[in-house]
Amino acid sequence: MTWEVVPGVSSSIGVPTGTQTTINGTLTYRVKYDAGGNTRWILGIDKGDGTPILEVLARQETLTTSDISKIDRLAIPGFISVVVDSSNTVIRVN
């Protein structure tokens, strides 16, 4: 694996960068799939405020092993709390 350093950009596995939002709610579905050898999950979260189900993307290569384990073990339906970036990609599972 190689890492590229891009001037003005800072990122590290498990370390949030940029704009962050915490999403709390009920996990209503979890879709797991493979993308080029990396696992992805689409998580459907009902925030309980009457808005449509929010879909967030979790990417195996940007999460810690602890976060990955949490995603795999979450009950459906069950409480979920995640921190996402501005594109609704999961940065951390609380």
PDB file of N, CA and C in Angstrom:
ATOM      1  N   MET A   1       0.841  -1.159   0.000  1.00  0.00           N
ATOM      2  CA  MET A   1       0.000   0.000   0.000  1.00  0.00           C
ATOM      3  C   MET A   1       0.893   1.230   0.000  1.00  0.00           C
ATOM      4  N   THR A   2       0.535   2.219  -0.797  1.00  0.00           N
ATOM      5  CA  THR A   2       1.280   3.467  -0.826  1.00  0.00           C
ATOM      6  C   THR A   2       0.353   4.608  -0.448  1.00  0.00           C
ATOM      7  N   TRP A   3       0.922   5.646   0.134  1.00  0.00           N
ATOM      8  CA  TRP A   3       0.171   6.828   0.536  1.00  0.00           C
ATOM      9  C   TRP A   3       0.707   8.017  -0.230  1.00  0.00           C
ATOM     10  N   GLU A   4      -0.180   8.849  -0.678  1.00  0.00           N
ATOM     11  CA  GLU A   4       0.209  10.057  -1.385  1.00  0.00           C
ATOM     12  C   GLU A   4      -0.088  11.260  -0.492  1.00  0.00           C
ATOM     13  N   VAL A   5       0.870  12.145  -0.374  1.00  0.00           N
ATOM     14  CA  VAL A   5       0.672  13.366   0.401  1.00  0.00           C
ATOM     15  C   VAL A   5       0.285  14.471  -0.563  1.00  0.00           C
ATOM     16  N   VAL A   6      -0.867  15.064  -0.317  1.00  0.00           N
ATOM     17  CA  VAL A   6      -1.353  16.154  -1.160  1.00  0.00           C
ATOM     18  C   VAL A   6      -1.280  17.432  -0.340  1.00  0.00           C
ATOM     19  N   PRO A   7      -0.578  18.446  -0.827  1.00  0.00           N
ATOM     20  CA  PRO A   7      -0.467  19.693  -0.076  1.00  0.00           C
ATOM     21  C   PRO A   7      -1.842  20.265   0.276  1.00  0.00           C
ATOM     22  N   GLY A   8      -2.005  20.679   1.534  1.00  0.00           N
ATOM     23  CA  GLY A   8      -3.260  21.280   1.971  1.00  0.00           C
ATOM     24  C   GLY A   8      -4.319  20.280   2.376  1.00  0.00           C
ATOM     25  N   VAL A   9      -4.042  18.994   2.252  1.00  0.00           N
ATOM     26  CA  VAL A   9      -5.015  17.969   2.607  1.00  0.00           C
ATOM     27  C   VAL A   9      -4.415  17.088   3.691  1.00  0.00           C
ATOM     28  N   SER A  10      -5.180  16.852   4.732  1.00  0.00           N
ATOM     29  CA  SER A  10      -4.716  16.005   5.819  1.00  0.00           C
ATOM     30  C   SER A  10      -5.773  14.967   6.124  1.00  0.00           C
ATOM     31  N   SER A  11      -5.397  13.698   6.127  1.00  0.00           N
ATOM     32  CA  SER A  11      -6.341  12.632   6.425  1.00  0.00           C
ATOM     33  C   SER A  11      -5.593  11.454   7.009  1.00  0.00           C
ATOM     34  N   SER A  12      -6.254  10.742   7.896  1.00  0.00           N
ATOM     35  CA  SER A  12      -5.668   9.562   8.508  1.00  0.00           C
ATOM     36  C   SER A  12      -6.792   8.637   8.930  1.00  0.00           C
ATOM     37  N   ILE A  13      -6.548   7.354   8.898  1.00  0.00           N
ATOM     38  CA  ILE A  13      -7.569   6.384   9.285  1.00  0.00           C
ATOM     39  C   ILE A  13      -8.037   6.681  10.701  1.00  0.00           C
ATOM     40  N   GLY A  14      -9.353   6.781  10.846  1.00  0.00           N
ATOM     41  CA  GLY A  14      -9.941   6.997  12.158  1.00  0.00           C
ATOM     42  C   GLY A  14      -9.828   8.415  12.693  1.00  0.00           C
ATOM     43  N   VAL A  15      -9.216   9.328  11.934  1.00  0.00           N
ATOM     44  CA  VAL A  15      -9.069  10.705  12.392  1.00  0.00           C
ATOM     45  C   VAL A  15      -9.929  11.597  11.511  1.00  0.00           C
ATOM     46  N   PRO A  16     -10.930  12.261  12.106  1.00  0.00           N
ATOM     47  CA  PRO A  16     -11.824  13.084  11.306  1.00  0.00           C
ATOM     48  C   PRO A  16     -11.145  14.341  10.768  1.00  0.00           C
ATOM     49  N   THR A  17     -11.515  14.733   9.558  1.00  0.00           N
ATOM     50  CA  THR A  17     -11.035  15.972   8.957  1.00  0.00           C
ATOM     51  C   THR A  17     -12.215  16.692   8.334  1.00  0.00           C
ATOM     52  N   GLY A  18     -12.129  17.982   8.171  1.00  0.00           N
ATOM     53  CA  GLY A  18     -13.189  18.742   7.521  1.00  0.00           C
ATOM     54  C   GLY A  18     -14.429  18.881   8.384  1.00  0.00           C
ATOM     55  N   THR A  19     -15.544  19.188   7.723  1.00  0.00           N
ATOM     56  CA  THR A  19     -16.821  19.387   8.392  1.00  0.00           C
ATOM     57  C   THR A  19     -17.369  18.052   8.883  1.00  0.00           C
ATOM     58  N   GLN A  20     -17.837  18.036  10.124  1.00  0.00           N
ATOM     59  CA  GLN A  20     -18.349  16.802  10.718  1.00  0.00           C
ATOM     60  C   GLN A  20     -19.733  17.025  11.305  1.00  0.00           C
ATOM     61  N   THR A  21     -20.564  15.992  11.238  1.00  0.00           N
ATOM     62  CA  THR A  21     -21.889  16.025  11.835  1.00  0.00           C
ATOM     63  C   THR A  21     -22.121  14.697  12.523  1.00  0.00           C
ATOM     64  N   THR A  22     -22.666  14.736  13.728  1.00  0.00           N
ATOM     65  CA  THR A  22     -23.036  13.508  14.422  1.00  0.00           C
ATOM     66  C   THR A  22     -24.484  13.181  14.086  1.00  0.00           C
ATOM     67  N   ILE A  23     -24.713  11.949  13.648  1.00  0.00           N
ATOM     68  CA  ILE A  23     -26.051  11.473  13.310  1.00  0.00           C
ATOM     69  C   ILE A  23     -26.434  10.417  14.338  1.00  0.00           C
ATOM     70  N   ASN A  24     -27.548  10.624  15.020  1.00  0.00           N
ATOM     71  CA  ASN A  24     -28.084   9.655  15.977  1.00  0.00           C
ATOM     72  C   ASN A  24     -29.444   9.204  15.487  1.00  0.00           C
ATOM     73  N   GLY A  25     -29.741   7.928  15.663  1.00  0.00           N
ATOM     74  CA  GLY A  25     -31.055   7.444  15.265  1.00  0.00           C
ATOM     75  C   GLY A  25     -31.152   5.941  15.336  1.00  0.00           C
ATOM     76  N   THR A  26     -32.103   5.421  14.584  1.00  0.00           N
ATOM     77  CA  THR A  26     -32.348   3.980  14.531  1.00  0.00           C
ATOM     78  C   THR A  26     -31.831   3.430  13.215  1.00  0.00           C
ATOM     79  N   LEU A  27     -30.972   2.420  13.299  1.00  0.00           N
ATOM     80  CA  LEU A  27     -30.493   1.751  12.090  1.00  0.00           C
ATOM     81  C   LEU A  27     -31.637   0.922  11.531  1.00  0.00           C
ATOM     82  N   THR A  28     -32.089   1.278  10.326  1.00  0.00           N
ATOM     83  CA  THR A  28     -33.220   0.571   9.726  1.00  0.00           C
ATOM     84  C   THR A  28     -32.784  -0.472   8.701  1.00  0.00           C
ATOM     85  N   TYR A  29     -31.613  -0.280   8.102  1.00  0.00           N
ATOM     86  CA  TYR A  29     -31.052  -1.303   7.211  1.00  0.00           C
ATOM     87  C   TYR A  29     -29.552  -1.097   7.050  1.00  0.00           C
ATOM     88  N   ARG A  30     -28.903  -2.183   6.634  1.00  0.00           N
ATOM     89  CA  ARG A  30     -27.453  -2.181   6.403  1.00  0.00           C
ATOM     90  C   ARG A  30     -27.208  -3.036   5.171  1.00  0.00           C
ATOM     91  N   VAL A  31     -26.598  -2.438   4.149  1.00  0.00           N
ATOM     92  CA  VAL A  31     -26.257  -3.161   2.923  1.00  0.00           C
ATOM     93  C   VAL A  31     -24.739  -3.232   2.849  1.00  0.00           C
ATOM     94  N   LYS A  32     -24.202  -4.452   2.780  1.00  0.00           N
ATOM     95  CA  LYS A  32     -22.757  -4.662   2.732  1.00  0.00           C
ATOM     96  C   LYS A  32     -22.380  -5.140   1.336  1.00  0.00           C
ATOM     97  N   TYR A  33     -21.334  -4.539   0.765  1.00  0.00           N
ATOM     98  CA  TYR A  33     -20.881  -4.963  -0.559  1.00  0.00           C
ATOM     99  C   TYR A  33     -19.386  -4.720  -0.697  1.00  0.00           C
ATOM    100  N   ASP A  34     -18.821  -5.264  -1.766  1.00  0.00           N
ATOM    101  CA  ASP A  34     -17.390  -5.152  -2.036  1.00  0.00           C
ATOM    102  C   ASP A  34     -17.162  -4.157  -3.167  1.00  0.00           C
ATOM    103  N   ALA A  35     -16.168  -3.284  -2.993  1.00  0.00           N
ATOM    104  CA  ALA A  35     -15.795  -2.322  -4.031  1.00  0.00           C
ATOM    105  C   ALA A  35     -14.282  -2.386  -4.205  1.00  0.00           C
ATOM    106  N   GLY A  36     -13.833  -3.129  -5.193  1.00  0.00           N
ATOM    107  CA  GLY A  36     -12.400  -3.219  -5.472  1.00  0.00           C
ATOM    108  C   GLY A  36     -11.585  -3.808  -4.340  1.00  0.00           C
ATOM    109  N   GLY A  37     -12.149  -4.769  -3.627  1.00  0.00           N
ATOM    110  CA  GLY A  37     -11.429  -5.414  -2.538  1.00  0.00           C
ATOM    111  C   GLY A  37     -11.633  -4.754  -1.178  1.00  0.00           C
ATOM    112  N   ASN A  38     -12.394  -3.680  -1.137  1.00  0.00           N
ATOM    113  CA  ASN A  38     -12.710  -3.004   0.120  1.00  0.00           C
ATOM    114  C   ASN A  38     -14.200  -3.138   0.414  1.00  0.00           C
ATOM    115  N   THR A  39     -14.512  -3.393   1.659  1.00  0.00           N
ATOM    116  CA  THR A  39     -15.900  -3.528   2.063  1.00  0.00           C
ATOM    117  C   THR A  39     -16.529  -2.152   2.233  1.00  0.00           C
ATOM    118  N   ARG A  40     -17.778  -2.054   1.809  1.00  0.00           N
ATOM    119  CA  ARG A  40     -18.584  -0.851   1.978  1.00  0.00           C
ATOM    120  C   ARG A  40     -19.899  -1.251   2.640  1.00  0.00           C
ATOM    121  N   TRP A  41     -20.455  -0.314   3.395  1.00  0.00           N
ATOM    122  CA  TRP A  41     -21.777  -0.500   3.975  1.00  0.00           C
ATOM    123  C   TRP A  41     -22.591   0.745   3.681  1.00  0.00           C
ATOM    124  N   ILE A  42     -23.808   0.561   3.250  1.00  0.00           N
ATOM    125  CA  ILE A  42     -24.771   1.652   3.192  1.00  0.00           C
ATOM    126  C   ILE A  42     -25.672   1.442   4.399  1.00  0.00           C
ATOM    127  N   LEU A  43     -25.719   2.459   5.251  1.00  0.00           N
ATOM    128  CA  LEU A  43     -26.499   2.386   6.477  1.00  0.00           C
ATOM    129  C   LEU A  43     -27.680   3.332   6.361  1.00  0.00           C
ATOM    130  N   GLY A  44     -28.871   2.809   6.601  1.00  0.00           N
ATOM    131  CA  GLY A  44     -30.078   3.628   6.595  1.00  0.00           C
ATOM    132  C   GLY A  44     -30.419   4.018   8.019  1.00  0.00           C
ATOM    133  N   ILE A  45     -30.455   5.317   8.296  1.00  0.00           N
ATOM    134  CA  ILE A  45     -30.681   5.801   9.658  1.00  0.00           C
ATOM    135  C   ILE A  45     -31.955   6.644   9.704  1.00  0.00           C
ATOM    136  N   ASP A  46     -32.867   6.255  10.595  1.00  0.00           N
ATOM    137  CA  ASP A  46     -34.079   7.027  10.856  1.00  0.00           C
ATOM    138  C   ASP A  46     -33.778   7.933  12.046  1.00  0.00           C
ATOM    139  N   LYS A  47     -33.713   9.240  11.808  1.00  0.00           N
ATOM    140  CA  LYS A  47     -33.370  10.186  12.870  1.00  0.00           C
ATOM    141  C   LYS A  47     -34.544  10.440  13.815  1.00  0.00           C
ATOM    142  N   GLY A  48     -35.721   9.944  13.466  1.00  0.00           N
ATOM    143  CA  GLY A  48     -36.874  10.077  14.347  1.00  0.00           C
ATOM    144  C   GLY A  48     -37.492  11.456  14.367  1.00  0.00           C
ATOM    145  N   ASP A  49     -37.147  12.279  13.376  1.00  0.00           N
ATOM    146  CA  ASP A  49     -37.676  13.644  13.353  1.00  0.00           C
ATOM    147  C   ASP A  49     -38.653  13.868  12.199  1.00  0.00           C
ATOM    148  N   GLY A  50     -39.106  12.777  11.594  1.00  0.00           N
ATOM    149  CA  GLY A  50     -40.059  12.888  10.503  1.00  0.00           C
ATOM    150  C   GLY A  50     -39.434  13.075   9.133  1.00  0.00           C
ATOM    151  N   THR A  51     -38.110  13.222   9.064  1.00  0.00           N
ATOM    152  CA  THR A  51     -37.430  13.355   7.773  1.00  0.00           C
ATOM    153  C   THR A  51     -37.233  11.968   7.167  1.00  0.00           C
ATOM    154  N   PRO A  52     -37.016  11.900   5.850  1.00  0.00           N
ATOM    155  CA  PRO A  52     -36.766  10.593   5.227  1.00  0.00           C
ATOM    156  C   PRO A  52     -35.539   9.901   5.829  1.00  0.00           C
ATOM    157  N   ILE A  53     -35.480   8.580   5.633  1.00  0.00           N
ATOM    158  CA  ILE A  53     -34.326   7.798   6.077  1.00  0.00           C
ATOM    159  C   ILE A  53     -33.067   8.404   5.457  1.00  0.00           C
ATOM    160  N   LEU A  54     -32.051   8.617   6.289  1.00  0.00           N
ATOM    161  CA  LEU A  54     -30.777   9.156   5.822  1.00  0.00           C
ATOM    162  C   LEU A  54     -29.834   8.002   5.515  1.00  0.00           C
ATOM    163  N   GLU A  55     -29.272   7.984   4.314  1.00  0.00           N
ATOM    164  CA  GLU A  55     -28.283   6.968   3.957  1.00  0.00           C
ATOM    165  C   GLU A  55     -26.886   7.539   4.125  1.00  0.00           C
ATOM    166  N   VAL A  56     -26.034   6.767   4.820  1.00  0.00           N
ATOM    167  CA  VAL A  56     -24.629   7.140   4.961  1.00  0.00           C
ATOM    168  C   VAL A  56     -23.779   5.985   4.443  1.00  0.00           C
ATOM    169  N   LEU A  57     -22.584   6.307   4.004  1.00  0.00           N
ATOM    170  CA  LEU A  57     -21.657   5.312   3.461  1.00  0.00           C
ATOM    171  C   LEU A  57     -20.513   5.097   4.433  1.00  0.00           C
ATOM    172  N   ALA A  58     -20.247   3.849   4.766  1.00  0.00           N
ATOM    173  CA  ALA A  58     -19.093   3.500   5.596  1.00  0.00           C
ATOM    174  C   ALA A  58     -18.097   2.761   4.707  1.00  0.00           C
ATOM    175  N   ARG A  59     -16.836   3.175   4.766  1.00  0.00           N
ATOM    176  CA  ARG A  59     -15.778   2.605   3.919  1.00  0.00           C
ATOM    177  C   ARG A  59     -14.754   1.912   4.812  1.00  0.00           C
ATOM    178  N   GLN A  60     -14.570   0.645   4.616  1.00  0.00           N
ATOM    179  CA  GLN A  60     -13.690  -0.171   5.449  1.00  0.00           C
ATOM    180  C   GLN A  60     -12.282   0.403   5.563  1.00  0.00           C
ATOM    181  N   GLU A  61     -11.748   0.941   4.488  1.00  0.00           N
ATOM    182  CA  GLU A  61     -10.359   1.379   4.498  1.00  0.00           C
ATOM    183  C   GLU A  61     -10.141   2.693   5.253  1.00  0.00           C
ATOM    184  N   THR A  62     -11.208   3.370   5.631  1.00  0.00           N
ATOM    185  CA  THR A  62     -11.050   4.620   6.370  1.00  0.00           C
ATOM    186  C   THR A  62     -11.494   4.512   7.820  1.00  0.00           C
ATOM    187  N   LEU A  63     -11.925   3.332   8.235  1.00  0.00           N
ATOM    188  CA  LEU A  63     -12.409   3.127   9.602  1.00  0.00           C
ATOM    189  C   LEU A  63     -11.437   2.283  10.415  1.00  0.00           C
ATOM    190  N   THR A  64     -11.531   2.405  11.720  1.00  0.00           N
ATOM    191  CA  THR A  64     -10.727   1.557  12.602  1.00  0.00           C
ATOM    192  C   THR A  64     -11.355   0.174  12.681  1.00  0.00           C
ATOM    193  N   THR A  65     -10.597  -0.799  13.140  1.00  0.00           N
ATOM    194  CA  THR A  65     -11.146  -2.151  13.296  1.00  0.00           C
ATOM    195  C   THR A  65     -12.293  -2.158  14.307  1.00  0.00           C
ATOM    196  N   SER A  66     -12.214  -1.285  15.299  1.00  0.00           N
ATOM    197  CA  SER A  66     -13.290  -1.179  16.282  1.00  0.00           C
ATOM    198  C   SER A  66     -14.575  -0.676  15.625  1.00  0.00           C
ATOM    199  N   ASP A  67     -14.463   0.346  14.770  1.00  0.00           N
ATOM    200  CA  ASP A  67     -15.634   0.866  14.067  1.00  0.00           C
ATOM    201  C   ASP A  67     -16.241  -0.189  13.144  1.00  0.00           C
ATOM    202  N   ILE A  68     -15.395  -0.924  12.437  1.00  0.00           N
ATOM    203  CA  ILE A  68     -15.863  -1.977  11.534  1.00  0.00           C
ATOM    204  C   ILE A  68     -16.623  -3.044  12.314  1.00  0.00           C
ATOM    205  N   SER A  69     -16.088  -3.433  13.444  1.00  0.00           N
ATOM    206  CA  SER A  69     -16.742  -4.434  14.292  1.00  0.00           C
ATOM    207  C   SER A  69     -18.101  -3.930  14.768  1.00  0.00           C
ATOM    208  N   LYS A  70     -18.179  -2.664  15.153  1.00  0.00           N
ATOM    209  CA  LYS A  70     -19.451  -2.084  15.599  1.00  0.00           C
ATOM    210  C   LYS A  70     -20.490  -2.131  14.483  1.00  0.00           C
ATOM    211  N   ILE A  71     -20.089  -1.761  13.269  1.00  0.00           N
ATOM    212  CA  ILE A  71     -21.017  -1.764  12.135  1.00  0.00           C
ATOM    213  C   ILE A  71     -21.540  -3.174  11.885  1.00  0.00           C
ATOM    214  N   ASP A  72     -20.661  -4.154  11.912  1.00  0.00           N
ATOM    215  CA  ASP A  72     -21.066  -5.538  11.654  1.00  0.00           C
ATOM    216  C   ASP A  72     -21.983  -6.106  12.737  1.00  0.00           C
ATOM    217  N   ARG A  73     -21.862  -5.598  13.978  1.00  0.00           N
ATOM    218  CA  ARG A  73     -22.636  -6.150  15.091  1.00  0.00           C
ATOM    219  C   ARG A  73     -23.898  -5.370  15.436  1.00  0.00           C
ATOM    220  N   LEU A  74     -24.125  -4.225  14.808  1.00  0.00           N
ATOM    221  CA  LEU A  74     -25.298  -3.413  15.129  1.00  0.00           C
ATOM    222  C   LEU A  74     -26.586  -4.178  14.866  1.00  0.00           C
ATOM    223  N   ALA A  75     -27.508  -4.097  15.820  1.00  0.00           N
ATOM    224  CA  ALA A  75     -28.817  -4.734  15.659  1.00  0.00           C
ATOM    225  C   ALA A  75     -29.687  -3.889  14.727  1.00  0.00           C
ATOM    226  N   ILE A  76     -30.564  -4.570  13.990  1.00  0.00           N
ATOM    227  CA  ILE A  76     -31.521  -3.889  13.123  1.00  0.00           C
ATOM    228  C   ILE A  76     -32.919  -4.318  13.549  1.00  0.00           C
ATOM    229  N   PRO A  77     -33.790  -3.442  13.997  1.00  0.00           N
ATOM    230  CA  PRO A  77     -33.517  -2.043  14.266  1.00  0.00           C
ATOM    231  C   PRO A  77     -32.757  -1.896  15.577  1.00  0.00           C
ATOM    232  N   GLY A  78     -32.007  -0.846  15.689  1.00  0.00           N
ATOM    233  CA  GLY A  78     -31.249  -0.564  16.901  1.00  0.00           C
ATOM    234  C   GLY A  78     -30.638   0.812  16.831  1.00  0.00           C
ATOM    235  N   PHE A  79     -30.240   1.325  17.988  1.00  0.00           N
ATOM    236  CA  PHE A  79     -29.664   2.667  18.050  1.00  0.00           C
ATOM    237  C   PHE A  79     -28.302   2.700  17.370  1.00  0.00           C
ATOM    238  N   ILE A  80     -28.044   3.800  16.654  1.00  0.00           N
ATOM    239  CA  ILE A  80     -26.748   4.025  16.021  1.00  0.00           C
ATOM    240  C   ILE A  80     -26.373   5.498  16.178  1.00  0.00           C
ATOM    241  N   SER A  81     -25.101   5.746  16.368  1.00  0.00           N
ATOM    242  CA  SER A  81     -24.561   7.101  16.406  1.00  0.00           C
ATOM    243  C   SER A  81     -23.262   7.088  15.614  1.00  0.00           C
ATOM    244  N   VAL A  82     -23.218   7.910  14.563  1.00  0.00           N
ATOM    245  CA  VAL A  82     -22.030   7.984  13.720  1.00  0.00           C
ATOM    246  C   VAL A  82     -21.659   9.443  13.488  1.00  0.00           C
ATOM    247  N   VAL A  83     -20.390   9.681  13.235  1.00  0.00           N
ATOM    248  CA  VAL A  83     -19.913  10.989  12.809  1.00  0.00           C
ATOM    249  C   VAL A  83     -19.644  10.870  11.312  1.00  0.00           C
ATOM    250  N   VAL A  84     -20.207  11.801  10.539  1.00  0.00           N
ATOM    251  CA  VAL A  84     -20.046  11.778   9.085  1.00  0.00           C
ATOM    252  C   VAL A  84     -19.420  13.080   8.609  1.00  0.00           C
ATOM    253  N   ASP A  85     -18.837  13.027   7.417  1.00  0.00           N
ATOM    254  CA  ASP A  85     -18.296  14.240   6.798  1.00  0.00           C
ATOM    255  C   ASP A  85     -19.375  14.897   5.940  1.00  0.00           C
ATOM    256  N   SER A  86     -19.015  15.907   5.195  1.00  0.00           N
ATOM    257  CA  SER A  86     -19.992  16.662   4.402  1.00  0.00           C
ATOM    258  C   SER A  86     -20.617  15.854   3.270  1.00  0.00           C
ATOM    259  N   SER A  87     -20.017  14.710   2.918  1.00  0.00           N
ATOM    260  CA  SER A  87     -20.595  13.850   1.873  1.00  0.00           C
ATOM    261  C   SER A  87     -21.337  12.658   2.477  1.00  0.00           C
ATOM    262  N   ASN A  88     -21.624  12.717   3.777  1.00  0.00           N
ATOM    263  CA  ASN A  88     -22.321  11.641   4.512  1.00  0.00           C
ATOM    264  C   ASN A  88     -21.534  10.327   4.484  1.00  0.00           C
ATOM    265  N   THR A  89     -20.215  10.429   4.511  1.00  0.00           N
ATOM    266  CA  THR A  89     -19.353   9.256   4.666  1.00  0.00           C
ATOM    267  C   THR A  89     -18.976   9.151   6.135  1.00  0.00           C
ATOM    268  N   VAL A  90     -19.094   7.937   6.677  1.00  0.00           N
ATOM    269  CA  VAL A  90     -18.829   7.727   8.097  1.00  0.00           C
ATOM    270  C   VAL A  90     -17.348   7.922   8.401  1.00  0.00           C
ATOM    271  N   ILE A  91     -17.084   8.753   9.410  1.00  0.00           N
ATOM    272  CA  ILE A  91     -15.732   8.979   9.899  1.00  0.00           C
ATOM    273  C   ILE A  91     -15.478   8.111  11.137  1.00  0.00           C
ATOM    274  N   ARG A  92     -16.540   7.994  11.962  1.00  0.00           N
ATOM    275  CA  ARG A  92     -16.386   7.257  13.221  1.00  0.00           C
ATOM    276  C   ARG A  92     -17.746   6.732  13.665  1.00  0.00           C
ATOM    277  N   VAL A  93     -17.751   5.577  14.317  1.00  0.00           N
ATOM    278  CA  VAL A  93     -18.958   5.028  14.920  1.00  0.00           C
ATOM    279  C   VAL A  93     -18.830   5.255  16.422  1.00  0.00           C
ATOM    280  N   ASN A  94     -19.800   5.946  17.000  1.00  0.00           N
ATOM    281  CA  ASN A  94     -19.762   6.245  18.435  1.00  0.00           C
ATOM    282  C   ASN A  94     -20.228   5.073  19.269  1.00  0.00           C
TER     283      ASN A  94
END
